[in-house]
């Protein structure tokens, strides 16, 4: 499972010209799911995300977590995070999970994140053509891959 976590002053997701999710301070999480991902990946990744110290304290130092700031989150599925560009110019998405595998894991990721944050999170629509807007604060952008924990 791969995630791109972007600290946001605000973010939103629009589908078919309808804004379906919006946050102010918090994180936009782009999540890529592969066939070998499990609930163990979800638990590890959501724990890492809510505890990342990427928000400024009163002295302007990144010492606070999403939990400490009571920030919000939007989760957007993005299979292109598993693109392989080793051969040619057309990316291969062979490692990205098919919808029958990815959708239940995406939903479990959202439920687990909501449980750890003790609040609802915004989402995209799996497989939809989405317009994602972000005012990246910092900018702060973190890439995490559950297959690379060391």
C-alpha atoms as a PDB file:
ATOM      1  CA  UNK A   1       0.000   0.000   0.000  1.00  0.00           C
ATOM      2  CA  UNK A   2       1.367   3.386  -0.957  1.00  0.00           C
ATOM      3  CA  UNK A   3       0.226   6.724   0.337  1.00  0.00           C
ATOM      4  CA  UNK A   4       1.062  10.292  -0.520  1.00  0.00           C
ATOM      5  CA  UNK A   5       0.207  12.462   2.481  1.00  0.00           C
ATOM      6  CA  UNK A   6      -0.034  16.177   1.799  1.00  0.00           C
ATOM      7  CA  UNK A   7      -0.490  18.704   4.574  1.00  0.00           C
ATOM      8  CA  UNK A   8      -3.350  20.932   3.504  1.00  0.00           C
ATOM      9  CA  UNK A   9      -4.664  24.362   4.404  1.00  0.00           C
ATOM     10  CA  UNK A  10      -7.681  23.219   2.425  1.00  0.00           C
ATOM     11  CA  UNK A  11      -8.573  20.441   0.015  1.00  0.00           C
ATOM     12  CA  UNK A  12     -11.621  19.193  -1.849  1.00  0.00           C
ATOM     13  CA  UNK A  13     -12.850  16.520  -4.236  1.00  0.00           C
ATOM     14  CA  UNK A  14     -15.360  17.195  -7.018  1.00  0.00           C
ATOM     15  CA  UNK A  15     -17.141  14.522  -9.079  1.00  0.00           C
ATOM     16  CA  UNK A  16     -19.477  15.416 -11.962  1.00  0.00           C
ATOM     17  CA  UNK A  17     -19.213  19.102 -11.026  1.00  0.00           C
ATOM     18  CA  UNK A  18     -20.431  18.366  -7.466  1.00  0.00           C
ATOM     19  CA  UNK A  19     -18.089  18.984  -4.536  1.00  0.00           C
ATOM     20  CA  UNK A  20     -18.394  15.791  -2.483  1.00  0.00           C
ATOM     21  CA  UNK A  21     -15.675  16.372   0.147  1.00  0.00           C
ATOM     22  CA  UNK A  22     -13.916  19.402   1.548  1.00  0.00           C
ATOM     23  CA  UNK A  23     -11.629  20.099   4.499  1.00  0.00           C
ATOM     24  CA  UNK A  24      -9.752  22.986   5.976  1.00  0.00           C
ATOM     25  CA  UNK A  25      -6.588  22.181   7.998  1.00  0.00           C
ATOM     26  CA  UNK A  26      -5.562  18.558   7.730  1.00  0.00           C
ATOM     27  CA  UNK A  27      -4.260  16.083   5.176  1.00  0.00           C
ATOM     28  CA  UNK A  28      -5.087  14.910   1.685  1.00  0.00           C
ATOM     29  CA  UNK A  29      -4.214  11.218   1.410  1.00  0.00           C
ATOM     30  CA  UNK A  30      -3.767   9.647  -2.011  1.00  0.00           C
ATOM     31  CA  UNK A  31      -3.847   5.868  -1.518  1.00  0.00           C
ATOM     32  CA  UNK A  32      -2.631   3.187  -3.925  1.00  0.00           C
ATOM     33  CA  UNK A  33      -3.588  -0.410  -3.199  1.00  0.00           C
ATOM     34  CA  UNK A  34      -1.818  -3.484  -4.544  1.00  0.00           C
ATOM     35  CA  UNK A  35      -2.813  -7.151  -4.601  1.00  0.00           C
ATOM     36  CA  UNK A  36      -0.660  -8.165  -1.623  1.00  0.00           C
ATOM     37  CA  UNK A  37      -2.076  -5.538   0.763  1.00  0.00           C
ATOM     38  CA  UNK A  38      -3.865  -6.675   3.927  1.00  0.00           C
ATOM     39  CA  UNK A  39      -5.508  -5.279   7.049  1.00  0.00           C
ATOM     40  CA  UNK A  40      -2.040  -5.337   8.625  1.00  0.00           C
ATOM     41  CA  UNK A  41      -0.894  -2.773   6.009  1.00  0.00           C
ATOM     42  CA  UNK A  42      -3.958  -0.663   6.751  1.00  0.00           C
ATOM     43  CA  UNK A  43      -3.395  -0.731  10.515  1.00  0.00           C
ATOM     44  CA  UNK A  44       0.286   0.171  10.201  1.00  0.00           C
ATOM     45  CA  UNK A  45      -0.300   2.929   7.647  1.00  0.00           C
ATOM     46  CA  UNK A  46      -3.249   4.594   9.384  1.00  0.00           C
ATOM     47  CA  UNK A  47      -1.333   4.577  12.674  1.00  0.00           C
ATOM     48  CA  UNK A  48       1.646   6.173  10.947  1.00  0.00           C
ATOM     49  CA  UNK A  49      -0.530   8.833   9.281  1.00  0.00           C
ATOM     50  CA  UNK A  50      -2.419   9.984  12.383  1.00  0.00           C
ATOM     51  CA  UNK A  51       0.814  10.197  14.397  1.00  0.00           C
ATOM     52  CA  UNK A  52       3.097  11.866  11.816  1.00  0.00           C
ATOM     53  CA  UNK A  53       4.448  15.047  13.349  1.00  0.00           C
ATOM     54  CA  UNK A  54       3.956  17.294  10.309  1.00  0.00           C
ATOM     55  CA  UNK A  55       1.968  20.170  11.823  1.00  0.00           C
ATOM     56  CA  UNK A  56       3.575  23.239  13.339  1.00  0.00           C
ATOM     57  CA  UNK A  57       3.591  23.865  17.070  1.00  0.00           C
ATOM     58  CA  UNK A  58       3.380  27.348  18.611  1.00  0.00           C
ATOM     59  CA  UNK A  59       7.053  27.918  17.702  1.00  0.00           C
ATOM     60  CA  UNK A  60       6.580  27.003  14.039  1.00  0.00           C
ATOM     61  CA  UNK A  61       8.315  23.620  14.349  1.00  0.00           C
ATOM     62  CA  UNK A  62       6.705  20.462  12.935  1.00  0.00           C
ATOM     63  CA  UNK A  63       6.033  18.752  16.265  1.00  0.00           C
ATOM     64  CA  UNK A  64       2.284  18.087  16.180  1.00  0.00           C
ATOM     65  CA  UNK A  65       0.324  15.210  14.669  1.00  0.00           C
ATOM     66  CA  UNK A  66      -3.050  15.066  12.979  1.00  0.00           C
ATOM     67  CA  UNK A  67      -4.492  13.756  16.244  1.00  0.00           C
ATOM     68  CA  UNK A  68      -2.943  16.580  18.281  1.00  0.00           C
ATOM     69  CA  UNK A  69      -4.249  19.282  15.948  1.00  0.00           C
ATOM     70  CA  UNK A  70      -7.654  17.616  15.509  1.00  0.00           C
ATOM     71  CA  UNK A  71      -7.140  18.079  11.766  1.00  0.00           C
ATOM     72  CA  UNK A  72      -9.332  16.606   9.065  1.00  0.00           C
ATOM     73  CA  UNK A  73      -8.569  14.193   6.238  1.00  0.00           C
ATOM     74  CA  UNK A  74      -9.667  13.358   2.715  1.00  0.00           C
ATOM     75  CA  UNK A  75      -8.806   9.921   1.271  1.00  0.00           C
ATOM     76  CA  UNK A  76      -8.641   9.487  -2.510  1.00  0.00           C
ATOM     77  CA  UNK A  77      -7.927   6.163  -4.211  1.00  0.00           C
ATOM     78  CA  UNK A  78      -5.189   6.509  -6.809  1.00  0.00           C
ATOM     79  CA  UNK A  79      -4.056   3.340  -8.583  1.00  0.00           C
ATOM     80  CA  UNK A  80      -1.443   5.311 -10.531  1.00  0.00           C
ATOM     81  CA  UNK A  81       0.750   5.362  -7.404  1.00  0.00           C
ATOM     82  CA  UNK A  82       1.744   1.830  -8.427  1.00  0.00           C
ATOM     83  CA  UNK A  83       2.821   2.822 -11.938  1.00  0.00           C
ATOM     84  CA  UNK A  84       5.957   1.136 -13.190  1.00  0.00           C
ATOM     85  CA  UNK A  85       7.918   3.284 -15.626  1.00  0.00           C
ATOM     86  CA  UNK A  86      10.938   1.011 -16.086  1.00  0.00           C
ATOM     87  CA  UNK A  87      10.187   0.067 -19.703  1.00  0.00           C
ATOM     88  CA  UNK A  88       9.072   2.411 -22.437  1.00  0.00           C
ATOM     89  CA  UNK A  89       6.948   5.503 -21.991  1.00  0.00           C
ATOM     90  CA  UNK A  90       3.595   3.951 -21.167  1.00  0.00           C
ATOM     91  CA  UNK A  91       3.323   3.245 -17.422  1.00  0.00           C
ATOM     92  CA  UNK A  92       2.344  -0.261 -16.378  1.00  0.00           C
ATOM     93  CA  UNK A  93      -0.163  -0.664 -13.552  1.00  0.00           C
ATOM     94  CA  UNK A  94       0.239  -4.419 -13.141  1.00  0.00           C
ATOM     95  CA  UNK A  95       0.912  -4.106  -9.375  1.00  0.00           C
ATOM     96  CA  UNK A  96      -2.258  -2.065  -8.752  1.00  0.00           C
ATOM     97  CA  UNK A  97      -5.075  -4.159  -7.296  1.00  0.00           C
ATOM     98  CA  UNK A  98      -8.168  -4.832  -9.403  1.00  0.00           C
ATOM     99  CA  UNK A  99     -11.407  -3.263  -8.082  1.00  0.00           C
ATOM    100  CA  UNK A 100     -12.667  -6.523  -6.522  1.00  0.00           C
ATOM    101  CA  UNK A 101      -9.573  -6.489  -4.265  1.00  0.00           C
ATOM    102  CA  UNK A 102      -9.012  -2.744  -3.977  1.00  0.00           C
ATOM    103  CA  UNK A 103     -12.526  -1.553  -3.081  1.00  0.00           C
ATOM    104  CA  UNK A 104     -12.869  -3.587   0.142  1.00  0.00           C
ATOM    105  CA  UNK A 105      -9.347  -2.545   1.205  1.00  0.00           C
ATOM    106  CA  UNK A 106     -10.068   1.111   0.375  1.00  0.00           C
ATOM    107  CA  UNK A 107     -13.254   0.973   2.459  1.00  0.00           C
ATOM    108  CA  UNK A 108     -11.396  -0.754   5.318  1.00  0.00           C
ATOM    109  CA  UNK A 109      -8.687   1.926   5.154  1.00  0.00           C
ATOM    110  CA  UNK A 110     -11.306   4.663   5.486  1.00  0.00           C
ATOM    111  CA  UNK A 111     -13.093   2.895   8.374  1.00  0.00           C
ATOM    112  CA  UNK A 112      -9.812   2.300  10.221  1.00  0.00           C
ATOM    113  CA  UNK A 113      -8.680   5.901   9.734  1.00  0.00           C
ATOM    114  CA  UNK A 114     -12.061   7.197  10.961  1.00  0.00           C
ATOM    115  CA  UNK A 115     -11.795   4.983  14.028  1.00  0.00           C
ATOM    116  CA  UNK A 116      -8.293   6.242  14.869  1.00  0.00           C
ATOM    117  CA  UNK A 117      -9.270   9.879  14.269  1.00  0.00           C
ATOM    118  CA  UNK A 118     -12.641   9.451  16.007  1.00  0.00           C
ATOM    119  CA  UNK A 119     -14.361  11.405  13.222  1.00  0.00           C
ATOM    120  CA  UNK A 120     -15.565  11.049   9.653  1.00  0.00           C
ATOM    121  CA  UNK A 121     -13.089  11.616   6.854  1.00  0.00           C
ATOM    122  CA  UNK A 122     -13.821  12.935   3.410  1.00  0.00           C
ATOM    123  CA  UNK A 123     -13.440  10.621   0.444  1.00  0.00           C
ATOM    124  CA  UNK A 124     -13.344  10.502  -3.286  1.00  0.00           C
ATOM    125  CA  UNK A 125     -15.414   8.060  -5.345  1.00  0.00           C
ATOM    126  CA  UNK A 126     -13.512   4.889  -6.179  1.00  0.00           C
ATOM    127  CA  UNK A 127     -12.875   4.669  -9.930  1.00  0.00           C
ATOM    128  CA  UNK A 128     -14.521   8.004 -10.735  1.00  0.00           C
ATOM    129  CA  UNK A 129     -13.029  10.868 -12.710  1.00  0.00           C
ATOM    130  CA  UNK A 130     -12.305  13.242  -9.844  1.00  0.00           C
ATOM    131  CA  UNK A 131     -11.073  16.792  -9.657  1.00  0.00           C
ATOM    132  CA  UNK A 132      -8.904  17.151  -6.566  1.00  0.00           C
ATOM    133  CA  UNK A 133      -8.013  20.614  -5.320  1.00  0.00           C
ATOM    134  CA  UNK A 134      -5.293  21.182  -2.745  1.00  0.00           C
ATOM    135  CA  UNK A 135      -3.685  24.131  -1.067  1.00  0.00           C
ATOM    136  CA  UNK A 136      -0.564  22.299   0.104  1.00  0.00           C
ATOM    137  CA  UNK A 137       0.659  23.899   3.324  1.00  0.00           C
ATOM    138  CA  UNK A 138       4.443  24.180   3.480  1.00  0.00           C
ATOM    139  CA  UNK A 139       4.550  22.445   1.066  1.00  0.00           C
ATOM    140  CA  UNK A 140       4.680  19.238   3.083  1.00  0.00           C
ATOM    141  CA  UNK A 141       4.346  16.021   1.086  1.00  0.00           C
ATOM    142  CA  UNK A 142       5.275  12.601   2.508  1.00  0.00           C
ATOM    143  CA  UNK A 143       5.418   9.290   0.604  1.00  0.00           C
ATOM    144  CA  UNK A 144       4.912   6.092   2.614  1.00  0.00           C
ATOM    145  CA  UNK A 145       5.031   2.537   1.280  1.00  0.00           C
ATOM    146  CA  UNK A 146       4.011  -0.272   3.645  1.00  0.00           C
ATOM    147  CA  UNK A 147       6.359  -2.633   1.781  1.00  0.00           C
ATOM    148  CA  UNK A 148       9.297  -0.416   2.765  1.00  0.00           C
ATOM    149  CA  UNK A 149       9.057  -0.123   6.566  1.00  0.00           C
ATOM    150  CA  UNK A 150      12.792  -0.213   7.265  1.00  0.00           C
END
